[in-house]
Amino acid sequence: MRVPFPEPGPSADVPALFLTYLDYYRDTVADRLAGLTDAQARTTRVPSGWTPVELVKHLTFMERRWLVWGFLGEPVPDPWGDRAEDRWYVGPDETVADVVAALHRGGERTREIVEANRLAAPAALGGRFTDSDRRPTLTAILFHVLQEYARHAGHLDIVREQLDGRTGE
């Protein structure tokens, strides 16, 4: 499914705007892997060495670190599980489909969190944040997560163009 680009409009429903843009970028990221062979998804095309599937796994863990572990303060198993030996990592037993499905499940959890909380609410203490003076609000966290998605979607646009000439918007 392709989520249409969310054109700016008169909406004052800021939580809905965040969710709409996050859904769009999450869908865009998943779409950039669609149709790639396993080898293409697992082969780097950039000097820094990441692969498309590693970037998608990173986004899944990034969103969980900021919203579940960060904002809610819930314990999460291995919050940095997208990394091994100081770089992004996807195990040989993890399929591209599994990584993309985890990305979408994370988006569903984000939607639940945003719909159940006020944007001005500060992150909980005890998870990612332990200093009460440095806790970001849900708004600040959502801005951060949104910019991560937008930046990395652009990275995947370039990699996909290198692979088969397919371009983004």
N, C-alpha and C. Protein backbone atom coordinates (compact mmCIF):
# COMPACT_ATOMS: atom_id res chain seq x y z
N MET A 1 0.84 -1.18 0.00
CA MET A 1 0.00 0.00 0.00
C MET A 1 0.88 1.24 0.00
N ARG A 2 0.53 2.19 -0.83
CA ARG A 2 1.27 3.44 -0.86
C ARG A 2 0.42 4.51 -0.18
N VAL A 3 0.95 5.08 0.88
CA VAL A 3 0.28 6.17 1.58
C VAL A 3 0.55 7.44 0.76
N PRO A 4 -0.48 8.20 0.38
CA PRO A 4 -0.24 9.41 -0.41
C PRO A 4 0.51 10.46 0.39
N PHE A 5 1.28 11.27 -0.32
CA PHE A 5 2.02 12.33 0.34
C PHE A 5 1.04 13.26 1.05
N PRO A 6 1.27 13.52 2.34
CA PRO A 6 0.33 14.37 3.10
C PRO A 6 0.56 15.85 2.80
N GLU A 7 -0.22 16.38 1.90
CA GLU A 7 -0.11 17.80 1.55
C GLU A 7 -0.52 18.65 2.75
N PRO A 8 0.21 19.73 3.00
CA PRO A 8 -0.18 20.62 4.10
C PRO A 8 -1.56 21.20 3.86
N GLY A 9 -2.29 21.36 4.94
CA GLY A 9 -3.63 21.90 4.84
C GLY A 9 -4.01 22.62 6.11
N PRO A 10 -5.27 22.90 6.29
CA PRO A 10 -5.70 23.71 7.43
C PRO A 10 -5.84 22.94 8.74
N SER A 11 -5.41 21.71 8.81
CA SER A 11 -5.63 20.90 10.01
C SER A 11 -4.92 21.48 11.23
N ALA A 12 -5.63 21.53 12.33
CA ALA A 12 -5.05 21.94 13.61
C ALA A 12 -4.81 20.72 14.50
N ASP A 13 -5.06 19.54 13.96
CA ASP A 13 -4.88 18.30 14.71
C ASP A 13 -3.42 17.85 14.57
N VAL A 14 -2.57 18.40 15.41
CA VAL A 14 -1.13 18.17 15.31
C VAL A 14 -0.78 16.70 15.54
N PRO A 15 -1.36 16.01 16.52
CA PRO A 15 -1.05 14.58 16.64
C PRO A 15 -1.35 13.80 15.35
N ALA A 16 -2.48 14.11 14.72
CA ALA A 16 -2.82 13.42 13.47
C ALA A 16 -1.83 13.75 12.37
N LEU A 17 -1.34 15.00 12.35
CA LEU A 17 -0.33 15.36 11.34
C LEU A 17 0.95 14.56 11.54
N PHE A 18 1.42 14.46 12.78
CA PHE A 18 2.60 13.65 13.06
C PHE A 18 2.40 12.22 12.57
N LEU A 19 1.27 11.64 12.94
CA LEU A 19 1.01 10.25 12.58
C LEU A 19 0.91 10.06 11.08
N THR A 20 0.28 11.01 10.39
CA THR A 20 0.14 10.92 8.95
C THR A 20 1.50 10.97 8.26
N TYR A 21 2.35 11.91 8.68
CA TYR A 21 3.68 12.01 8.08
C TYR A 21 4.54 10.80 8.44
N LEU A 22 4.46 10.32 9.67
CA LEU A 22 5.22 9.12 10.02
C LEU A 22 4.75 7.91 9.22
N ASP A 23 3.45 7.76 9.05
CA ASP A 23 2.93 6.66 8.22
C ASP A 23 3.45 6.78 6.79
N TYR A 24 3.44 7.99 6.26
CA TYR A 24 3.92 8.21 4.89
C TYR A 24 5.39 7.80 4.76
N TYR A 25 6.23 8.28 5.66
CA TYR A 25 7.66 7.97 5.54
C TYR A 25 7.94 6.50 5.83
N ARG A 26 7.23 5.91 6.77
CA ARG A 26 7.41 4.48 7.05
C ARG A 26 7.04 3.68 5.82
N ASP A 27 5.95 4.03 5.17
CA ASP A 27 5.52 3.35 3.95
C ASP A 27 6.53 3.56 2.83
N THR A 28 7.07 4.77 2.73
CA THR A 28 8.07 5.07 1.71
C THR A 28 9.31 4.21 1.90
N VAL A 29 9.77 4.10 3.14
CA VAL A 29 10.94 3.29 3.45
C VAL A 29 10.68 1.82 3.06
N ALA A 30 9.53 1.29 3.44
CA ALA A 30 9.20 -0.10 3.10
C ALA A 30 9.12 -0.26 1.58
N ASP A 31 8.56 0.72 0.91
CA ASP A 31 8.43 0.66 -0.54
C ASP A 31 9.78 0.63 -1.24
N ARG A 32 10.79 1.27 -0.68
CA ARG A 32 12.11 1.30 -1.31
C ARG A 32 12.78 -0.08 -1.27
N LEU A 33 12.34 -0.96 -0.36
CA LEU A 33 12.87 -2.32 -0.33
C LEU A 33 12.03 -3.27 -1.19
N ALA A 34 10.80 -2.89 -1.48
CA ALA A 34 9.90 -3.75 -2.25
C ALA A 34 10.51 -4.03 -3.62
N GLY A 35 10.53 -5.30 -3.97
CA GLY A 35 11.04 -5.70 -5.27
C GLY A 35 12.54 -5.94 -5.33
N LEU A 36 13.25 -5.62 -4.25
CA LEU A 36 14.68 -5.92 -4.24
C LEU A 36 14.88 -7.40 -3.95
N THR A 37 15.92 -7.96 -4.52
CA THR A 37 16.28 -9.32 -4.14
C THR A 37 16.90 -9.27 -2.76
N ASP A 38 17.00 -10.43 -2.11
CA ASP A 38 17.64 -10.49 -0.81
C ASP A 38 19.08 -9.97 -0.91
N ALA A 39 19.76 -10.35 -1.97
CA ALA A 39 21.15 -9.90 -2.15
C ALA A 39 21.22 -8.39 -2.29
N GLN A 40 20.32 -7.79 -3.05
CA GLN A 40 20.32 -6.33 -3.20
C GLN A 40 20.04 -5.64 -1.87
N ALA A 41 19.11 -6.17 -1.10
CA ALA A 41 18.75 -5.55 0.18
C ALA A 41 19.89 -5.68 1.19
N ARG A 42 20.76 -6.66 1.01
CA ARG A 42 21.84 -6.93 1.96
C ARG A 42 23.21 -6.48 1.46
N THR A 43 23.25 -5.78 0.34
CA THR A 43 24.52 -5.31 -0.22
C THR A 43 24.62 -3.81 -0.08
N THR A 44 25.76 -3.36 0.40
CA THR A 44 25.96 -1.92 0.55
C THR A 44 26.24 -1.27 -0.80
N ARG A 45 25.80 -0.04 -0.92
CA ARG A 45 26.06 0.77 -2.11
C ARG A 45 26.73 2.09 -1.72
N VAL A 46 27.05 2.23 -0.44
CA VAL A 46 27.60 3.50 0.06
C VAL A 46 28.91 3.27 0.81
N PRO A 47 29.80 4.26 0.80
CA PRO A 47 31.09 4.10 1.48
C PRO A 47 30.99 3.81 2.97
N SER A 48 29.93 4.28 3.64
CA SER A 48 29.82 4.04 5.08
C SER A 48 29.45 2.60 5.41
N GLY A 49 28.99 1.83 4.42
CA GLY A 49 28.83 0.40 4.59
C GLY A 49 27.47 -0.14 4.96
N TRP A 50 26.47 0.69 5.23
CA TRP A 50 25.17 0.15 5.59
C TRP A 50 24.45 -0.42 4.36
N THR A 51 23.54 -1.34 4.64
CA THR A 51 22.73 -1.93 3.58
C THR A 51 21.29 -1.45 3.74
N PRO A 52 20.48 -1.54 2.68
CA PRO A 52 19.09 -1.11 2.82
C PRO A 52 18.33 -1.79 3.95
N VAL A 53 18.48 -3.09 4.11
CA VAL A 53 17.74 -3.78 5.17
C VAL A 53 18.26 -3.38 6.55
N GLU A 54 19.56 -3.09 6.67
CA GLU A 54 20.08 -2.62 7.95
C GLU A 54 19.50 -1.26 8.31
N LEU A 55 19.34 -0.39 7.33
CA LEU A 55 18.77 0.92 7.60
C LEU A 55 17.33 0.79 8.09
N VAL A 56 16.57 -0.11 7.48
CA VAL A 56 15.18 -0.29 7.91
C VAL A 56 15.12 -0.84 9.33
N LYS A 57 15.98 -1.78 9.66
CA LYS A 57 16.01 -2.29 11.03
C LYS A 57 16.40 -1.18 12.00
N HIS A 58 17.36 -0.34 11.59
CA HIS A 58 17.75 0.80 12.43
C HIS A 58 16.54 1.68 12.72
N LEU A 59 15.74 1.99 11.71
CA LEU A 59 14.57 2.84 11.92
C LEU A 59 13.59 2.21 12.90
N THR A 60 13.40 0.91 12.83
CA THR A 60 12.51 0.22 13.75
C THR A 60 12.99 0.38 15.18
N PHE A 61 14.28 0.15 15.40
CA PHE A 61 14.84 0.26 16.74
C PHE A 61 14.89 1.71 17.21
N MET A 62 15.19 2.63 16.30
CA MET A 62 15.21 4.05 16.65
C MET A 62 13.84 4.49 17.17
N GLU A 63 12.79 4.11 16.46
CA GLU A 63 11.43 4.50 16.86
C GLU A 63 11.09 3.90 18.23
N ARG A 64 11.47 2.65 18.45
CA ARG A 64 11.21 1.99 19.74
C ARG A 64 12.01 2.66 20.86
N ARG A 65 13.28 2.99 20.58
CA ARG A 65 14.11 3.64 21.61
C ARG A 65 13.51 4.97 22.05
N TRP A 66 13.00 5.74 21.11
CA TRP A 66 12.47 7.06 21.44
C TRP A 66 11.08 7.01 22.06
N LEU A 67 10.22 6.14 21.58
CA LEU A 67 8.83 6.18 22.03
C LEU A 67 8.49 5.17 23.12
N VAL A 68 8.92 3.95 23.01
CA VAL A 68 8.59 2.95 24.02
C VAL A 68 9.55 3.06 25.20
N TRP A 69 10.83 2.93 24.94
CA TRP A 69 11.84 3.01 26.00
C TRP A 69 11.99 4.45 26.49
N GLY A 70 11.95 5.39 25.55
CA GLY A 70 12.13 6.80 25.89
C GLY A 70 10.89 7.43 26.49
N PHE A 71 9.88 7.67 25.67
CA PHE A 71 8.71 8.39 26.16
C PHE A 71 7.96 7.63 27.25
N LEU A 72 7.65 6.36 27.02
CA LEU A 72 6.89 5.59 28.01
C LEU A 72 7.76 5.13 29.17
N GLY A 73 9.05 5.00 28.96
CA GLY A 73 9.94 4.51 30.00
C GLY A 73 9.82 3.02 30.25
N GLU A 74 9.25 2.30 29.29
CA GLU A 74 9.10 0.86 29.44
C GLU A 74 10.43 0.16 29.12
N PRO A 75 10.71 -0.90 29.85
CA PRO A 75 11.90 -1.67 29.48
C PRO A 75 11.69 -2.34 28.12
N VAL A 76 12.71 -2.33 27.31
CA VAL A 76 12.66 -3.03 26.02
C VAL A 76 13.87 -3.96 25.95
N PRO A 77 13.67 -5.14 25.41
CA PRO A 77 14.82 -6.03 25.28
C PRO A 77 15.80 -5.46 24.26
N ASP A 78 17.03 -5.33 24.65
CA ASP A 78 18.12 -4.91 23.77
C ASP A 78 17.75 -3.66 22.94
N PRO A 79 17.64 -2.49 23.58
CA PRO A 79 17.25 -1.30 22.84
C PRO A 79 18.20 -0.94 21.69
N TRP A 80 19.41 -1.42 21.74
CA TRP A 80 20.39 -1.15 20.68
C TRP A 80 20.59 -2.40 19.82
N GLY A 81 19.58 -3.24 19.70
CA GLY A 81 19.67 -4.49 18.97
C GLY A 81 19.83 -4.36 17.47
N ASP A 82 19.81 -3.14 16.97
CA ASP A 82 20.07 -2.92 15.55
C ASP A 82 21.56 -2.77 15.27
N ARG A 83 22.38 -2.91 16.31
CA ARG A 83 23.82 -2.70 16.17
C ARG A 83 24.61 -3.92 16.62
N ALA A 84 25.72 -4.14 15.94
CA ALA A 84 26.70 -5.15 16.34
C ALA A 84 28.06 -4.62 15.91
N GLU A 85 29.00 -4.69 16.81
CA GLU A 85 30.35 -4.21 16.53
C GLU A 85 30.34 -2.77 16.00
N ASP A 86 29.52 -1.94 16.66
CA ASP A 86 29.42 -0.51 16.38
C ASP A 86 28.97 -0.15 14.97
N ARG A 87 28.10 -0.99 14.40
CA ARG A 87 27.47 -0.65 13.13
C ARG A 87 26.11 -1.31 13.06
N TRP A 88 25.25 -0.85 12.15
CA TRP A 88 23.95 -1.46 11.97
C TRP A 88 24.14 -2.91 11.54
N TYR A 89 23.19 -3.76 11.98
CA TYR A 89 23.36 -5.19 11.72
C TYR A 89 22.01 -5.87 11.56
N VAL A 90 21.95 -6.76 10.58
CA VAL A 90 20.81 -7.66 10.39
C VAL A 90 21.40 -9.06 10.27
N GLY A 91 20.92 -9.96 11.10
CA GLY A 91 21.43 -11.33 11.09
C GLY A 91 21.00 -12.08 9.84
N PRO A 92 21.75 -13.11 9.48
CA PRO A 92 21.41 -13.89 8.30
C PRO A 92 20.07 -14.62 8.41
N ASP A 93 19.60 -14.83 9.65
CA ASP A 93 18.32 -15.49 9.86
C ASP A 93 17.14 -14.53 9.82
N GLU A 94 17.39 -13.23 9.75
CA GLU A 94 16.33 -12.22 9.68
C GLU A 94 16.02 -11.95 8.21
N THR A 95 14.77 -12.16 7.83
CA THR A 95 14.40 -11.92 6.44
C THR A 95 14.04 -10.45 6.23
N VAL A 96 14.11 -10.03 4.99
CA VAL A 96 13.70 -8.66 4.66
C VAL A 96 12.23 -8.47 5.04
N ALA A 97 11.40 -9.45 4.75
CA ALA A 97 9.98 -9.35 5.08
C ALA A 97 9.77 -9.20 6.59
N ASP A 98 10.55 -9.93 7.37
CA ASP A 98 10.44 -9.82 8.83
C ASP A 98 10.83 -8.43 9.31
N VAL A 99 11.89 -7.88 8.73
CA VAL A 99 12.37 -6.55 9.13
C VAL A 99 11.32 -5.50 8.77
N VAL A 100 10.73 -5.60 7.61
CA VAL A 100 9.70 -4.64 7.19
C VAL A 100 8.44 -4.81 8.05
N ALA A 101 8.07 -6.03 8.37
CA ALA A 101 6.90 -6.26 9.23
C ALA A 101 7.13 -5.65 10.62
N ALA A 102 8.34 -5.78 11.15
CA ALA A 102 8.66 -5.17 12.45
C ALA A 102 8.57 -3.65 12.38
N LEU A 103 8.97 -3.07 11.26
CA LEU A 103 8.85 -1.62 11.07
C LEU A 103 7.38 -1.20 11.19
N HIS A 104 6.50 -1.93 10.53
CA HIS A 104 5.07 -1.59 10.57
C HIS A 104 4.47 -1.83 11.95
N ARG A 105 4.88 -2.89 12.62
CA ARG A 105 4.38 -3.12 14.00
C ARG A 105 4.80 -1.98 14.92
N GLY A 106 6.03 -1.50 14.73
CA GLY A 106 6.48 -0.36 15.52
C GLY A 106 5.64 0.87 15.26
N GLY A 107 5.23 1.05 14.02
CA GLY A 107 4.36 2.17 13.68
C GLY A 107 3.01 2.08 14.36
N GLU A 108 2.49 0.87 14.46
CA GLU A 108 1.21 0.68 15.17
C GLU A 108 1.36 1.05 16.64
N ARG A 109 2.47 0.68 17.22
CA ARG A 109 2.71 1.02 18.64
C ARG A 109 2.85 2.53 18.80
N THR A 110 3.55 3.17 17.88
CA THR A 110 3.68 4.63 17.93
C THR A 110 2.31 5.29 17.88
N ARG A 111 1.44 4.81 17.00
CA ARG A 111 0.08 5.37 16.90
C ARG A 111 -0.64 5.25 18.23
N GLU A 112 -0.56 4.10 18.87
CA GLU A 112 -1.21 3.91 20.18
C GLU A 112 -0.67 4.92 21.21
N ILE A 113 0.63 5.11 21.21
CA ILE A 113 1.26 6.03 22.17
C ILE A 113 0.80 7.46 21.93
N VAL A 114 0.83 7.89 20.69
CA VAL A 114 0.47 9.27 20.36
C VAL A 114 -1.01 9.52 20.65
N GLU A 115 -1.86 8.58 20.30
CA GLU A 115 -3.29 8.76 20.51
C GLU A 115 -3.67 8.74 21.99
N ALA A 116 -2.83 8.17 22.84
CA ALA A 116 -3.16 8.05 24.26
C ALA A 116 -2.50 9.12 25.13
N ASN A 117 -1.72 10.02 24.53
CA ASN A 117 -0.97 10.99 25.33
C ASN A 117 -1.05 12.40 24.75
N ARG A 118 -0.82 13.36 25.63
CA ARG A 118 -0.76 14.76 25.19
C ARG A 118 0.62 15.05 24.61
N LEU A 119 0.68 15.87 23.59
CA LEU A 119 1.97 16.21 22.97
C LEU A 119 2.91 16.92 23.95
N ALA A 120 2.34 17.66 24.90
CA ALA A 120 3.17 18.40 25.86
C ALA A 120 3.68 17.54 27.00
N ALA A 121 3.25 16.29 27.06
CA ALA A 121 3.66 15.41 28.17
C ALA A 121 5.16 15.12 28.08
N PRO A 122 5.84 15.17 29.21
CA PRO A 122 7.27 14.82 29.21
C PRO A 122 7.47 13.31 29.22
N ALA A 123 8.62 12.90 28.71
CA ALA A 123 8.98 11.49 28.74
C ALA A 123 9.05 11.00 30.19
N ALA A 124 8.75 9.75 30.37
CA ALA A 124 8.81 9.14 31.71
C ALA A 124 10.27 9.01 32.16
N LEU A 125 10.43 8.99 33.44
CA LEU A 125 11.75 8.71 34.01
C LEU A 125 11.91 7.20 34.14
N GLY A 126 13.15 6.76 33.99
CA GLY A 126 13.44 5.36 34.27
C GLY A 126 13.73 4.51 33.06
N GLY A 127 13.38 4.95 31.89
CA GLY A 127 13.73 4.21 30.68
C GLY A 127 14.99 4.81 30.10
N ARG A 128 14.83 5.42 28.98
CA ARG A 128 15.96 6.08 28.31
C ARG A 128 16.40 7.32 29.07
N PHE A 129 15.45 7.95 29.75
CA PHE A 129 15.73 9.22 30.40
C PHE A 129 15.70 9.08 31.92
N THR A 130 16.77 9.48 32.56
CA THR A 130 16.89 9.35 34.01
C THR A 130 17.06 10.70 34.71
N ASP A 131 17.18 11.76 33.94
CA ASP A 131 17.35 13.11 34.50
C ASP A 131 16.06 13.89 34.26
N SER A 132 15.37 14.25 35.32
CA SER A 132 14.07 14.91 35.17
C SER A 132 14.17 16.25 34.46
N ASP A 133 15.33 16.89 34.49
CA ASP A 133 15.49 18.18 33.81
C ASP A 133 15.77 18.04 32.32
N ARG A 134 16.02 16.84 31.84
CA ARG A 134 16.40 16.65 30.43
C ARG A 134 15.40 15.80 29.65
N ARG A 135 14.22 15.57 30.24
CA ARG A 135 13.22 14.75 29.56
C ARG A 135 12.56 15.55 28.44
N PRO A 136 12.58 15.03 27.21
CA PRO A 136 11.88 15.72 26.13
C PRO A 136 10.38 15.48 26.22
N THR A 137 9.63 16.35 25.59
CA THR A 137 8.18 16.14 25.48
C THR A 137 7.91 15.18 24.33
N LEU A 138 6.67 14.70 24.28
CA LEU A 138 6.28 13.85 23.16
C LEU A 138 6.44 14.61 21.84
N THR A 139 6.15 15.89 21.82
CA THR A 139 6.33 16.68 20.61
C THR A 139 7.79 16.65 20.14
N ALA A 140 8.71 16.90 21.05
CA ALA A 140 10.13 16.91 20.68
C ALA A 140 10.57 15.54 20.17
N ILE A 141 10.09 14.49 20.80
CA ILE A 141 10.44 13.13 20.37
C ILE A 141 9.89 12.87 18.97
N LEU A 142 8.64 13.26 18.72
CA LEU A 142 8.05 13.03 17.40
C LEU A 142 8.77 13.82 16.31
N PHE A 143 9.19 15.05 16.62
CA PHE A 143 9.98 15.80 15.64
C PHE A 143 11.26 15.04 15.31
N HIS A 144 11.92 14.52 16.34
CA HIS A 144 13.16 13.79 16.11
C HIS A 144 12.93 12.54 15.26
N VAL A 145 11.92 11.76 15.61
CA VAL A 145 11.62 10.53 14.88
C VAL A 145 11.26 10.86 13.43
N LEU A 146 10.47 11.89 13.23
CA LEU A 146 10.08 12.29 11.87
C LEU A 146 11.29 12.70 11.05
N GLN A 147 12.22 13.46 11.62
CA GLN A 147 13.39 13.87 10.83
C GLN A 147 14.27 12.66 10.51
N GLU A 148 14.34 11.68 11.42
CA GLU A 148 15.11 10.46 11.13
C GLU A 148 14.51 9.73 9.94
N TYR A 149 13.19 9.58 9.94
CA TYR A 149 12.53 8.91 8.82
C TYR A 149 12.75 9.66 7.51
N ALA A 150 12.57 10.97 7.52
CA ALA A 150 12.71 11.74 6.29
C ALA A 150 14.13 11.64 5.74
N ARG A 151 15.11 11.78 6.62
CA ARG A 151 16.51 11.72 6.19
C ARG A 151 16.84 10.36 5.61
N HIS A 152 16.45 9.31 6.32
CA HIS A 152 16.80 7.97 5.85
C HIS A 152 15.97 7.53 4.64
N ALA A 153 14.75 8.02 4.51
CA ALA A 153 13.99 7.74 3.28
C ALA A 153 14.73 8.32 2.08
N GLY A 154 15.32 9.49 2.24
CA GLY A 154 16.12 10.08 1.17
C GLY A 154 17.35 9.24 0.84
N HIS A 155 17.98 8.69 1.89
CA HIS A 155 19.12 7.80 1.64
C HIS A 155 18.68 6.59 0.81
N LEU A 156 17.54 6.02 1.17
CA LEU A 156 17.06 4.86 0.42
C LEU A 156 16.63 5.22 -0.99
N ASP A 157 16.14 6.44 -1.20
CA ASP A 157 15.83 6.90 -2.56
C ASP A 157 17.08 6.83 -3.43
N ILE A 158 18.18 7.30 -2.90
CA ILE A 158 19.43 7.32 -3.67
C ILE A 158 19.92 5.90 -3.95
N VAL A 159 19.90 5.05 -2.94
CA VAL A 159 20.35 3.68 -3.13
C VAL A 159 19.48 2.97 -4.16
N ARG A 160 18.18 3.16 -4.08
CA ARG A 160 17.28 2.51 -5.04
C ARG A 160 17.56 3.01 -6.46
N GLU A 161 17.80 4.30 -6.60
CA GLU A 161 18.13 4.83 -7.93
C GLU A 161 19.43 4.22 -8.46
N GLN A 162 20.40 4.03 -7.58
CA GLN A 162 21.65 3.39 -7.99
C GLN A 162 21.42 1.94 -8.43
N LEU A 163 20.53 1.25 -7.73
CA LEU A 163 20.29 -0.16 -8.03
C LEU A 163 19.58 -0.40 -9.36
N ASP A 164 18.47 0.33 -9.57
CA ASP A 164 17.67 0.02 -10.75
C ASP A 164 17.07 1.24 -11.46
N GLY A 165 17.53 2.42 -11.06
CA GLY A 165 17.05 3.63 -11.72
C GLY A 165 15.72 4.14 -11.21
N ARG A 166 15.08 3.41 -10.30
CA ARG A 166 13.78 3.84 -9.76
C ARG A 166 14.00 5.04 -8.86
N THR A 167 13.20 6.06 -9.06
CA THR A 167 13.33 7.27 -8.26
C THR A 167 12.11 7.46 -7.37
N GLY A 168 12.28 8.30 -6.37
CA GLY A 168 11.19 8.62 -5.44
C GLY A 168 10.18 9.53 -6.12
N GLU A 169 9.67 10.46 -5.35
CA GLU A 169 8.64 11.35 -5.87
C GLU A 169 9.15 12.20 -7.01
